[in-house]
Amino acid sequence: MNKIELLAPAGSLEKLKMAIEYGADAVYLGGEAYGLRAGAENFAPGEMEEGVEYAHSRGKKVYLTMNIIPHNEDIEGMAEYVKVVTKIGVDAILVSDPGVYSIVREASPDMEIHLSTQANNTNWKSAEFWYRHGVKRIVLARELSLKEIEEIRERAPKDLEFEVFVHGAMCISYSGRCLLSSYMAGRDANRGECAHPCRWKYYLVEEKRPGEYMPVYENERGTFIFNSRDLCMIEHIPELINTGVSSLKIEGRMKSSFYVATVVKAYRDAIDAYYSDPEGYRFNPKWLEEISKVSHREFTTGFYFNKPTEKDQIYNTSSYIRGYDFVGIVMEYDSKTGIATVEQRNRMFLGDEIEVVRPKGDFFIQKIESMKNSDGESIDVAPHPQMTVYMPMEKSVEKFTMLRRKAGGDQ
């Protein structure tokens, strides 16, 4: 049985490493141009080279996004860029535009090409068309049901791979093809600069009553009429695997390292549990509990089981649910002394109860009994961003272990 791929977002070099250490089989990232997440940190060529080397040395793959809808000026220099990233060694390039596809094919004839969800592939005939033109994998549109995905898989060429989104933010517009941001904020979502106006609060103004703002209500619950819940399919791993797709994709290049690692680990554990015993597989609620500890909106299963209804929208707020704070990451651990070198990510206090999350296995809970700064001085609080802190661990940890604390724990 070929194990399904778990594909994670890598908005920066640290996020790439965290995704891989916490169980991703592959990551997708953007360079400094041509991707749809201009707001992410993204990768300069040197960083991309380091990231690819890090992934490949651990048997993992790296996919590069070039899935913007380009204008004329975007074409300039694109072929040279493709040659650079080919030399770096990325495993595939994601495209959505036929012009970009042709440039990649000409500049790097042997490069594996994946068709982005931005291309809105919703049927087997379209998949067949792209397959004939040399596309290796298609990222299917989010607007498909499990049944439709199964039919596409059944009728498409057997060696054509399919990838589907299973977790993360949902777009109000069809597979991200949105003009709202461009119209309202002058930022083109199809060129990586979405301002997310779908999350804004709206009022209605009657033409002859300028300045009179009437709130827009649906069932009197609020005014966020475009605000979708987040996709979450952690409870439906068997159904996803049984569609025959090759890859399960997590959204979130703009998300934190804490988010990426936590979500990846939960899906990794669920996928591994299924393959170890398909017949006896049972969903473990702790996986959903773990995912719920990172910043998120209420969850939905999107289009997988039925077309979304009002129950898949959030009308009263555009805020995230955040139950835990990411307070530190282990950079080194001395097994003889039991002391961890921690890089601070949020304020930590002596006496805080923290959860220690390791790349493998369950987390454990302990109190911060002592902390020292880089000068070896005992401290009661670690207030400075990314300061180095030394603290004892009750159990063995490893690099990239995360420390988290219930939100609101500041003293």
Foldseek 3Di string as FASTA:
>chain_A
DDFFFEEFEALFLLLLVLLVLLAGQEYEFEACFQALAVVGPGDHLVSLLVSQVVQVVVNHAYEYENAFPDDPVRVPPLLVVLLSVVVSPHQAYEYQDPVSVVSNCVSPVPHAYEYELNNADQALVVVQVVVVVRHQEYEHWLQDALVSLLVSCVPHDVRRAYEYEAWWADFLDGSQCDCPQCVPPVAHSSGNGRPPCLQPFAFDDDPVGPPDTHADDDVNQAGSVSAFFIGHCLQPVVSVVVSVHRHYYYDDSPDDSQLRSQLSNLSSVQSVQCVVPVVPDDRDCVSVVSNLQAWGGDYDNDNHHHHDDPVRGRHHHSGTDHFKDFFWFFAAADPVVQKTKIFTAAKDFQQAWKWKAASDDHIDIDGFPWKAFPVRHTDGMDHDHRGIIMTGDPDDHGGGTIIMHTPPPDD
